[in-house]
PDB file of N, CA and C in Angstrom:
ATOM      1  N   MET A   1      90.347  76.627 111.042  1.00  0.00           N
ATOM      2  CA  MET A   1      89.216  78.148 110.920  1.00  0.00           C
ATOM      3  C   MET A   1      88.121  77.680 110.666  1.00  0.00           C
ATOM      4  N   LYS A   2      86.996  77.559 110.793  1.00  0.00           N
ATOM      5  CA  LYS A   2      86.021  77.409 109.943  1.00  0.00           C
ATOM      6  C   LYS A   2      85.798  77.923 108.765  1.00  0.00           C
ATOM      7  N   THR A   3      84.899  77.610 107.860  1.00  0.00           N
ATOM      8  CA  THR A   3      84.713  78.533 106.228  1.00  0.00           C
ATOM      9  C   THR A   3      83.738  78.012 105.771  1.00  0.00           C
ATOM     10  N   ILE A   4      83.007  78.941 105.039  1.00  0.00           N
ATOM     11  CA  ILE A   4      81.923  78.940 104.474  1.00  0.00           C
ATOM     12  C   ILE A   4      81.630  79.424 102.927  1.00  0.00           C
ATOM     13  N   THR A   5      81.291  78.463 102.221  1.00  0.00           N
ATOM     14  CA  THR A   5      81.736  79.193 100.862  1.00  0.00           C
ATOM     15  C   THR A   5      80.034  79.967 100.164  1.00  0.00           C
ATOM     16  N   PRO A   6      80.367  80.994  99.650  1.00  0.00           N
ATOM     17  CA  PRO A   6      78.920  81.465  99.351  1.00  0.00           C
ATOM     18  C   PRO A   6      77.886  81.046  98.667  1.00  0.00           C
ATOM     19  N   ARG A   7      78.309  79.922  98.042  1.00  0.00           N
ATOM     20  CA  ARG A   7      76.888  78.882  97.761  1.00  0.00           C
ATOM     21  C   ARG A   7      76.180  78.805  99.191  1.00  0.00           C
ATOM     22  N   GLU A   8      76.994  78.315 100.610  1.00  0.00           N
ATOM     23  CA  GLU A   8      77.012  77.640 101.326  1.00  0.00           C
ATOM     24  C   GLU A   8      75.854  78.357 102.225  1.00  0.00           C
ATOM     25  N   LEU A   9      76.338  79.911 102.078  1.00  0.00           N
ATOM     26  CA  LEU A   9      75.720  81.193 103.077  1.00  0.00           C
ATOM     27  C   LEU A   9      74.876  81.294 102.778  1.00  0.00           C
ATOM     28  N   ALA A  10      74.687  81.397 101.192  1.00  0.00           N
ATOM     29  CA  ALA A  10      73.485  81.496 100.687  1.00  0.00           C
ATOM     30  C   ALA A  10      72.417  80.416 100.697  1.00  0.00           C
ATOM     31  N   ALA A  11      72.379  79.317 101.150  1.00  0.00           N
ATOM     32  CA  ALA A  11      71.690  78.340 101.464  1.00  0.00           C
ATOM     33  C   ALA A  11      71.027  78.530 102.913  1.00  0.00           C
ATOM     34  N   VAL A  12      72.143  78.884 103.865  1.00  0.00           N
ATOM     35  CA  VAL A  12      72.088  78.385 105.205  1.00  0.00           C
ATOM     36  C   VAL A  12      70.626  80.049 105.291  1.00  0.00           C
ATOM     37  N   LEU A  13      71.129  81.267 104.549  1.00  0.00           N
ATOM     38  CA  LEU A  13      70.510  82.883 104.820  1.00  0.00           C
ATOM     39  C   LEU A  13      68.987  82.120 104.012  1.00  0.00           C
ATOM     40  N   ARG A  14      68.856  81.404 103.361  1.00  0.00           N
ATOM     41  CA  ARG A  14      67.471  81.299 102.925  1.00  0.00           C
ATOM     42  C   ARG A  14      66.361  79.767 103.621  1.00  0.00           C
ATOM     43  N   SER A  15      67.591  79.614 104.418  1.00  0.00           N
ATOM     44  CA  SER A  15      67.081  78.521 105.544  1.00  0.00           C
ATOM     45  C   SER A  15      66.379  79.368 106.914  1.00  0.00           C
ATOM     46  N   GLU A  16      66.065  78.241 107.788  1.00  0.00           N
ATOM     47  CA  GLU A  16      65.525  79.136 109.177  1.00  0.00           C
ATOM     48  C   GLU A  16      67.217  78.669 110.057  1.00  0.00           C
ATOM     49  N   ILE A  17      67.887  78.744 109.642  1.00  0.00           N
ATOM     50  CA  ILE A  17      68.926  78.841 110.591  1.00  0.00           C
ATOM     51  C   ILE A  17      69.478  80.264 111.231  1.00  0.00           C
ATOM     52  N   ASN A  18      69.832  80.466 112.599  1.00  0.00           N
ATOM     53  CA  ASN A  18      69.371  81.455 112.816  1.00  0.00           C
ATOM     54  C   ASN A  18      71.132  81.632 112.647  1.00  0.00           C
ATOM     55  N   VAL A  19      71.752  82.870 112.221  1.00  0.00           N
ATOM     56  CA  VAL A  19      73.387  82.870 112.173  1.00  0.00           C
ATOM     57  C   VAL A  19      73.321  84.584 111.906  1.00  0.00           C
ATOM     58  N   GLN A  20      74.740  85.462 112.555  1.00  0.00           N
ATOM     59  CA  GLN A  20      74.666  86.845 112.736  1.00  0.00           C
ATOM     60  C   GLN A  20      75.929  87.068 111.210  1.00  0.00           C
ATOM     61  N   LEU A  21      75.780  87.812 110.965  1.00  0.00           N
ATOM     62  CA  LEU A  21      76.745  88.372 109.870  1.00  0.00           C
ATOM     63  C   LEU A  21      77.459  89.332 110.416  1.00  0.00           C
ATOM     64  N   ILE A  22      78.825  88.846 109.688  1.00  0.00           N
ATOM     65  CA  ILE A  22      79.369  90.640 110.688  1.00  0.00           C
ATOM     66  C   ILE A  22      80.532  90.831 109.556  1.00  0.00           C
ATOM     67  N   ASP A  23      80.498  92.119 109.312  1.00  0.00           N
ATOM     68  CA  ASP A  23      81.121  92.657 107.916  1.00  0.00           C
ATOM     69  C   ASP A  23      82.160  93.613 108.613  1.00  0.00           C
ATOM     70  N   VAL A  24      83.062  93.138 108.488  1.00  0.00           N
ATOM     71  CA  VAL A  24      84.740  93.517 108.860  1.00  0.00           C
ATOM     72  C   VAL A  24      85.474  95.176 108.159  1.00  0.00           C
ATOM     73  N   ARG A  25      84.709  95.351 106.661  1.00  0.00           N
ATOM     74  CA  ARG A  25      85.304  96.167 105.767  1.00  0.00           C
ATOM     75  C   ARG A  25      84.901  97.582 106.298  1.00  0.00           C
ATOM     76  N   GLU A  26      85.677  98.473 105.742  1.00  0.00           N
ATOM     77  CA  GLU A  26      85.056  99.750 106.475  1.00  0.00           C
ATOM     78  C   GLU A  26      83.885 100.255 105.891  1.00  0.00           C
ATOM     79  N   VAL A  27      83.580 101.421 106.335  1.00  0.00           N
ATOM     80  CA  VAL A  27      81.972 102.035 106.064  1.00  0.00           C
ATOM     81  C   VAL A  27      81.836 102.282 104.673  1.00  0.00           C
ATOM     82  N   HIS A  28      82.356 102.928 103.782  1.00  0.00           N
ATOM     83  CA  HIS A  28      82.395 102.868 102.337  1.00  0.00           C
ATOM     84  C   HIS A  28      82.240 101.925 101.569  1.00  0.00           C
ATOM     85  N   GLU A  29      83.143 100.792 101.989  1.00  0.00           N
ATOM     86  CA  GLU A  29      82.743  99.846 101.461  1.00  0.00           C
ATOM     87  C   GLU A  29      81.587  98.837 102.198  1.00  0.00           C
ATOM     88  N   HIS A  30      80.778  98.783 102.903  1.00  0.00           N
ATOM     89  CA  HIS A  30      79.658  98.350 102.915  1.00  0.00           C
ATOM     90  C   HIS A  30      78.685  98.859 102.695  1.00  0.00           C
ATOM     91  N   ASN A  31      78.485 100.431 102.675  1.00  0.00           N
ATOM     92  CA  ASN A  31      77.521 100.892 101.722  1.00  0.00           C
ATOM     93  C   ASN A  31      77.721 100.953 100.389  1.00  0.00           C
ATOM     94  N   ALA A  32      78.927 100.180  99.713  1.00  0.00           N
ATOM     95  CA  ALA A  32      78.148 100.169  98.429  1.00  0.00           C
ATOM     96  C   ALA A  32      77.960  98.747  98.038  1.00  0.00           C
ATOM     97  N   PHE A  33      78.251  97.817  98.627  1.00  0.00           N
ATOM     98  CA  PHE A  33      77.526  96.562  98.823  1.00  0.00           C
ATOM     99  C   PHE A  33      77.400  95.483  99.936  1.00  0.00           C
ATOM    100  N   ASN A  34      76.823  95.387 100.420  1.00  0.00           N
ATOM    101  CA  ASN A  34      76.645  94.303 101.617  1.00  0.00           C
ATOM    102  C   ASN A  34      75.608  93.039 101.271  1.00  0.00           C
ATOM    103  N   ILE A  35      75.426  92.104 102.234  1.00  0.00           N
ATOM    104  CA  ILE A  35      74.737  91.415 102.752  1.00  0.00           C
ATOM    105  C   ILE A  35      73.857  91.148 103.336  1.00  0.00           C
ATOM    106  N   GLY A  36      73.998  92.074 104.248  1.00  0.00           N
ATOM    107  CA  GLY A  36      72.985  92.371 105.388  1.00  0.00           C
ATOM    108  C   GLY A  36      73.923  92.246 106.508  1.00  0.00           C
ATOM    109  N   GLY A  37      75.119  92.248 106.934  1.00  0.00           N
ATOM    110  CA  GLY A  37      75.857  92.273 108.117  1.00  0.00           C
ATOM    111  C   GLY A  37      75.848  93.149 109.138  1.00  0.00           C
ATOM    112  N   LYS A  38      76.259  93.316 110.156  1.00  0.00           N
ATOM    113  CA  LYS A  38      76.386  93.755 110.795  1.00  0.00           C
ATOM    114  C   LYS A  38      77.939  94.646 110.648  1.00  0.00           C
ATOM    115  N   LEU A  39      77.730  95.855 110.390  1.00  0.00           N
ATOM    116  CA  LEU A  39      79.355  96.834 110.493  1.00  0.00           C
ATOM    117  C   LEU A  39      80.018  96.880 111.421  1.00  0.00           C
ATOM    118  N   ILE A  40      81.242  96.273 111.643  1.00  0.00           N
ATOM    119  CA  ILE A  40      82.282  96.591 112.685  1.00  0.00           C
ATOM    120  C   ILE A  40      83.541  96.280 112.218  1.00  0.00           C
ATOM    121  N   PRO A  41      83.764  97.150 111.827  1.00  0.00           N
ATOM    122  CA  PRO A  41      85.266  97.268 110.769  1.00  0.00           C
ATOM    123  C   PRO A  41      86.290  96.369 111.588  1.00  0.00           C
ATOM    124  N   LEU A  42      87.442  95.567 111.057  1.00  0.00           N
ATOM    125  CA  LEU A  42      88.271  94.887 111.679  1.00  0.00           C
ATOM    126  C   LEU A  42      89.010  95.533 112.675  1.00  0.00           C
ATOM    127  N   SER A  43      89.430  97.062 112.791  1.00  0.00           N
ATOM    128  CA  SER A  43      90.025  97.957 113.896  1.00  0.00           C
ATOM    129  C   SER A  43      88.831  98.005 115.065  1.00  0.00           C
ATOM    130  N   GLU A  44      88.223  97.545 114.768  1.00  0.00           N
ATOM    131  CA  GLU A  44      87.303  98.078 116.311  1.00  0.00           C
ATOM    132  C   GLU A  44      86.867  96.560 116.551  1.00  0.00           C
ATOM    133  N   VAL A  45      87.080  95.364 115.872  1.00  0.00           N
ATOM    134  CA  VAL A  45      86.279  94.266 116.245  1.00  0.00           C
ATOM    135  C   VAL A  45      86.393  93.632 117.721  1.00  0.00           C
ATOM    136  N   THR A  46      87.677  94.034 118.195  1.00  0.00           N
ATOM    137  CA  THR A  46      87.716  93.536 119.712  1.00  0.00           C
ATOM    138  C   THR A  46      87.127  94.684 120.826  1.00  0.00           C
ATOM    139  N   LYS A  47      86.378  95.640 120.514  1.00  0.00           N
ATOM    140  CA  LYS A  47      85.714  96.529 121.114  1.00  0.00           C
ATOM    141  C   LYS A  47      84.197  96.399 121.128  1.00  0.00           C
ATOM    142  N   HIS A  48      83.907  95.983 120.320  1.00  0.00           N
ATOM    143  CA  HIS A  48      82.760  95.307 120.282  1.00  0.00           C
ATOM    144  C   HIS A  48      82.379  93.954 120.578  1.00  0.00           C
ATOM    145  N   ILE A  49      83.106  93.168 121.474  1.00  0.00           N
ATOM    146  CA  ILE A  49      83.012  92.072 121.557  1.00  0.00           C
ATOM    147  C   ILE A  49      81.311  92.060 122.610  1.00  0.00           C
ATOM    148  N   ASP A  50      80.746  92.597 123.234  1.00  0.00           N
ATOM    149  CA  ASP A  50      79.508  92.001 123.008  1.00  0.00           C
ATOM    150  C   ASP A  50      78.485  92.114 122.417  1.00  0.00           C
ATOM    151  N   GLU A  51      78.603  92.674 120.953  1.00  0.00           N
ATOM    152  CA  GLU A  51      77.678  92.821 119.746  1.00  0.00           C
ATOM    153  C   GLU A  51      77.999  91.353 119.388  1.00  0.00           C
ATOM    154  N   ILE A  52      78.896  90.423 119.395  1.00  0.00           N
ATOM    155  CA  ILE A  52      79.210  89.212 118.757  1.00  0.00           C
ATOM    156  C   ILE A  52      78.204  88.253 119.599  1.00  0.00           C
ATOM    157  N   GLU A  53      77.997  87.344 118.749  1.00  0.00           N
ATOM    158  CA  GLU A  53      76.512  85.805 119.511  1.00  0.00           C
ATOM    159  C   GLU A  53      77.341  85.167 120.078  1.00  0.00           C
ATOM    160  N   LYS A  54      77.252  84.484 120.707  1.00  0.00           N
ATOM    161  CA  LYS A  54      78.032  83.425 121.400  1.00  0.00           C
ATOM    162  C   LYS A  54      77.045  82.110 121.446  1.00  0.00           C
ATOM    163  N   GLU A  55      76.134  82.278 120.881  1.00  0.00           N
ATOM    164  CA  GLU A  55      75.554  81.211 120.939  1.00  0.00           C
ATOM    165  C   GLU A  55      74.650  79.976 119.434  1.00  0.00           C
ATOM    166  N   ILE A  56      75.098  81.223 118.803  1.00  0.00           N
ATOM    167  CA  ILE A  56      75.106  80.972 116.824  1.00  0.00           C
ATOM    168  C   ILE A  56      76.004  81.151 115.944  1.00  0.00           C
ATOM    169  N   PRO A  57      75.967  80.734 114.931  1.00  0.00           N
ATOM    170  CA  PRO A  57      77.605  80.379 114.150  1.00  0.00           C
ATOM    171  C   PRO A  57      77.449  82.073 113.656  1.00  0.00           C
ATOM    172  N   VAL A  58      78.363  82.907 113.951  1.00  0.00           N
ATOM    173  CA  VAL A  58      79.040  84.389 113.451  1.00  0.00           C
ATOM    174  C   VAL A  58      79.689  84.155 112.240  1.00  0.00           C
ATOM    175  N   ILE A  59      79.228  84.338 110.959  1.00  0.00           N
ATOM    176  CA  ILE A  59      79.668  84.453 109.848  1.00  0.00           C
ATOM    177  C   ILE A  59      80.060  85.790 109.573  1.00  0.00           C
ATOM    178  N   PHE A  60      81.660  86.319 109.802  1.00  0.00           N
ATOM    179  CA  PHE A  60      82.576  87.233 109.196  1.00  0.00           C
ATOM    180  C   PHE A  60      83.053  87.500 107.590  1.00  0.00           C
ATOM    181  N   TYR A  61      82.932  89.006 107.499  1.00  0.00           N
ATOM    182  CA  TYR A  61      82.848  88.077 105.937  1.00  0.00           C
ATOM    183  C   TYR A  61      83.874  89.802 105.599  1.00  0.00           C
ATOM    184  N   CYS A  62      84.541  89.970 104.318  1.00  0.00           N
ATOM    185  CA  CYS A  62      84.927  91.376 104.451  1.00  0.00           C
ATOM    186  C   CYS A  62      85.734  91.265 102.471  1.00  0.00           C
ATOM    187  N   ARG A  63      86.391  91.959 102.342  1.00  0.00           N
ATOM    188  CA  ARG A  63      86.359  91.882 100.698  1.00  0.00           C
ATOM    189  C   ARG A  63      86.904  90.431  99.730  1.00  0.00           C
ATOM    190  N   VAL A  64      87.669  90.224 100.099  1.00  0.00           N
ATOM    191  CA  VAL A  64      88.262  88.408  99.559  1.00  0.00           C
ATOM    192  C   VAL A  64      88.800  87.810 100.803  1.00  0.00           C
ATOM    193  N   GLY A  65      88.487  88.022 102.202  1.00  0.00           N
ATOM    194  CA  GLY A  65      88.516  86.864 102.998  1.00  0.00           C
ATOM    195  C   GLY A  65      89.397  87.341 103.862  1.00  0.00           C
ATOM    196  N   VAL A  66      90.691  87.956 103.645  1.00  0.00           N
ATOM    197  CA  VAL A  66      91.677  88.352 104.603  1.00  0.00           C
ATOM    198  C   VAL A  66      91.400  88.885 105.910  1.00  0.00           C
ATOM    199  N   ARG A  67      91.024  90.345 105.806  1.00  0.00           N
ATOM    200  CA  ARG A  67      90.497  90.912 106.802  1.00  0.00           C
ATOM    201  C   ARG A  67      89.199  89.813 107.763  1.00  0.00           C
ATOM    202  N   SER A  68      88.432  89.543 107.538  1.00  0.00           N
ATOM    203  CA  SER A  68      87.860  88.538 108.070  1.00  0.00           C
ATOM    204  C   SER A  68      88.148  87.456 108.894  1.00  0.00           C
ATOM    205  N   GLN A  69      89.640  86.672 108.263  1.00  0.00           N
ATOM    206  CA  GLN A  69      90.252  85.928 109.235  1.00  0.00           C
ATOM    207  C   GLN A  69      90.792  86.303 110.129  1.00  0.00           C
ATOM    208  N   VAL A  70      91.823  87.360 110.042  1.00  0.00           N
ATOM    209  CA  VAL A  70      92.428  88.217 110.573  1.00  0.00           C
ATOM    210  C   VAL A  70      91.197  88.477 112.320  1.00  0.00           C
ATOM    211  N   ALA A  71      90.067  89.114 111.663  1.00  0.00           N
ATOM    212  CA  ALA A  71      88.882  89.624 112.862  1.00  0.00           C
ATOM    213  C   ALA A  71      89.118  88.457 113.558  1.00  0.00           C
ATOM    214  N   ILE A  72      88.956  87.199 112.825  1.00  0.00           N
ATOM    215  CA  ILE A  72      88.470  85.649 113.633  1.00  0.00           C
ATOM    216  C   ILE A  72      89.741  85.173 114.582  1.00  0.00           C
ATOM    217  N   GLN A  73      90.893  85.397 114.149  1.00  0.00           N
ATOM    218  CA  GLN A  73      92.196  84.692 114.971  1.00  0.00           C
ATOM    219  C   GLN A  73      92.466  86.005 115.985  1.00  0.00           C
ATOM    220  N   ARG A  74      92.064  87.549 115.833  1.00  0.00           N
ATOM    221  CA  ARG A  74      92.098  88.348 117.077  1.00  0.00           C
ATOM    222  C   ARG A  74      91.203  87.672 118.097  1.00  0.00           C
ATOM    223  N   LEU A  75      90.270  87.219 118.108  1.00  0.00           N
ATOM    224  CA  LEU A  75      88.951  87.092 118.724  1.00  0.00           C
ATOM    225  C   LEU A  75      89.570  85.682 119.350  1.00  0.00           C
ATOM    226  N   MET A  76      89.351  84.449 118.762  1.00  0.00           N
ATOM    227  CA  MET A  76      89.902  83.387 119.293  1.00  0.00           C
ATOM    228  C   MET A  76      91.141  83.539 120.008  1.00  0.00           C
ATOM    229  N   SER A  77      91.407  84.158 119.784  1.00  0.00           N
ATOM    230  CA  SER A  77      93.029  84.279 120.768  1.00  0.00           C
ATOM    231  C   SER A  77      93.011  85.111 122.046  1.00  0.00           C
ATOM    232  N   LYS A  78      92.223  85.956 121.756  1.00  0.00           N
ATOM    233  CA  LYS A  78      91.463  86.806 123.299  1.00  0.00           C
ATOM    234  C   LYS A  78      90.215  86.229 124.005  1.00  0.00           C
ATOM    235  N   TYR A  79      89.609  85.255 123.615  1.00  0.00           N
ATOM    236  CA  TYR A  79      87.978  85.388 123.960  1.00  0.00           C
ATOM    237  C   TYR A  79      87.408  83.339 123.587  1.00  0.00           C
ATOM    238  N   PRO A  80      86.897  82.801 123.905  1.00  0.00           N
ATOM    239  CA  PRO A  80      86.460  81.865 123.976  1.00  0.00           C
ATOM    240  C   PRO A  80      85.498  80.957 122.753  1.00  0.00           C
ATOM    241  N   PHE A  81      85.703  82.109 122.120  1.00  0.00           N
ATOM    242  CA  PHE A  81      84.661  81.709 120.535  1.00  0.00           C
ATOM    243  C   PHE A  81      84.754  80.442 119.888  1.00  0.00           C
ATOM    244  N   ASN A  82      84.193  79.629 119.701  1.00  0.00           N
ATOM    245  CA  ASN A  82      83.856  78.511 119.034  1.00  0.00           C
ATOM    246  C   ASN A  82      83.117  77.914 117.957  1.00  0.00           C
ATOM    247  N   ASN A  83      81.860  79.504 117.656  1.00  0.00           N
ATOM    248  CA  ASN A  83      81.045  79.472 116.622  1.00  0.00           C
ATOM    249  C   ASN A  83      81.406  80.164 115.612  1.00  0.00           C
ATOM    250  N   LEU A  84      82.473  80.719 115.161  1.00  0.00           N
ATOM    251  CA  LEU A  84      83.235  82.122 114.422  1.00  0.00           C
ATOM    252  C   LEU A  84      83.198  81.022 112.826  1.00  0.00           C
ATOM    253  N   VAL A  85      82.822  81.935 111.957  1.00  0.00           N
ATOM    254  CA  VAL A  85      83.368  81.221 110.153  1.00  0.00           C
ATOM    255  C   VAL A  85      83.530  82.103 109.425  1.00  0.00           C
ATOM    256  N   ASN A  86      84.468  82.002 108.660  1.00  0.00           N
ATOM    257  CA  ASN A  86      85.149  82.972 107.374  1.00  0.00           C
ATOM    258  C   ASN A  86      84.545  82.617 106.137  1.00  0.00           C
ATOM    259  N   LEU A  87      83.157  83.886 105.953  1.00  0.00           N
ATOM    260  CA  LEU A  87      83.035  83.814 104.453  1.00  0.00           C
ATOM    261  C   LEU A  87      84.334  83.336 103.660  1.00  0.00           C
ATOM    262  N   ALA A  88      84.691  82.390 102.645  1.00  0.00           N
ATOM    263  CA  ALA A  88      85.668  82.402 102.002  1.00  0.00           C
ATOM    264  C   ALA A  88      85.368  83.154 100.533  1.00  0.00           C
ATOM    265  N   GLY A  89      86.404  83.596 100.620  1.00  0.00           N
ATOM    266  CA  GLY A  89      86.418  84.446  99.113  1.00  0.00           C
ATOM    267  C   GLY A  89      85.770  85.916  99.507  1.00  0.00           C
ATOM    268  N   GLY A  90      85.202  86.263 100.599  1.00  0.00           N
ATOM    269  CA  GLY A  90      84.941  87.388 100.722  1.00  0.00           C
ATOM    270  C   GLY A  90      83.840  87.967  99.436  1.00  0.00           C
ATOM    271  N   MET A  91      83.500  88.886  99.543  1.00  0.00           N
ATOM    272  CA  MET A  91      82.311  89.592  99.207  1.00  0.00           C
ATOM    273  C   MET A  91      82.826  89.310  97.640  1.00  0.00           C
ATOM    274  N   GLU A  92      84.416  89.401  96.711  1.00  0.00           N
ATOM    275  CA  GLU A  92      84.326  89.113  96.079  1.00  0.00           C
ATOM    276  C   GLU A  92      83.962  87.635  95.210  1.00  0.00           C
ATOM    277  N   ALA A  93      84.137  86.920  95.916  1.00  0.00           N
ATOM    278  CA  ALA A  93      83.564  85.208  95.773  1.00  0.00           C
ATOM    279  C   ALA A  93      82.021  85.440  95.822  1.00  0.00           C
ATOM    280  N   TRP A  94      81.288  86.032  96.529  1.00  0.00           N
ATOM    281  CA  TRP A  94      80.460  86.120  96.726  1.00  0.00           C
ATOM    282  C   TRP A  94      79.314  87.047  95.076  1.00  0.00           C
ATOM    283  N   LYS A  95      80.072  88.301  95.017  1.00  0.00           N
ATOM    284  CA  LYS A  95      79.660  88.720  93.655  1.00  0.00           C
ATOM    285  C   LYS A  95      79.708  87.771  92.306  1.00  0.00           C
ATOM    286  N   LYS A  96      80.953  87.097  92.098  1.00  0.00           N
ATOM    287  CA  LYS A  96      80.870  85.855  91.079  1.00  0.00           C
ATOM    288  C   LYS A  96      80.608  84.848  91.063  1.00  0.00           C
ATOM    289  N   GLU A  97      80.018  84.654  92.580  1.00  0.00           N
ATOM    290  CA  GLU A  97      78.589  83.827  92.210  1.00  0.00           C
ATOM    291  C   GLU A  97      77.612  83.527  91.872  1.00  0.00           C
ATOM    292  N   PHE A  98      76.676  85.039  92.097  1.00  0.00           N
ATOM    293  CA  PHE A  98      75.730  85.360  92.188  1.00  0.00           C
ATOM    294  C   PHE A  98      75.311  86.847  91.328  1.00  0.00           C
ATOM    295  N   ALA A  99      75.978  87.229  90.340  1.00  0.00           N
ATOM    296  CA  ALA A  99      76.080  88.351  89.783  1.00  0.00           C
ATOM    297  C   ALA A  99      75.666  88.013  88.585  1.00  0.00           C
TER     298      ALA A  99
END
């Protein structure tokens, strides 16, 4: 599974590289703190397949990186994605890096 660190993601977001961010946490977690990703909770990720980009990197994140790994595994087991990336350590790692 492809991963990206918070520092690498921050550099991507500052660049002109086009990526999609998907937050697989629950609504209350997303509302409390997020980095601008589209909210698609893990339990609904396969129901929103048409909203997930196919041509650009798609970076999934959650609190610590576990739910986002599960989301990627679910998607890759059913669909021919090769552009899915997990944010290592999730929002907890992001906060530690940039707090």
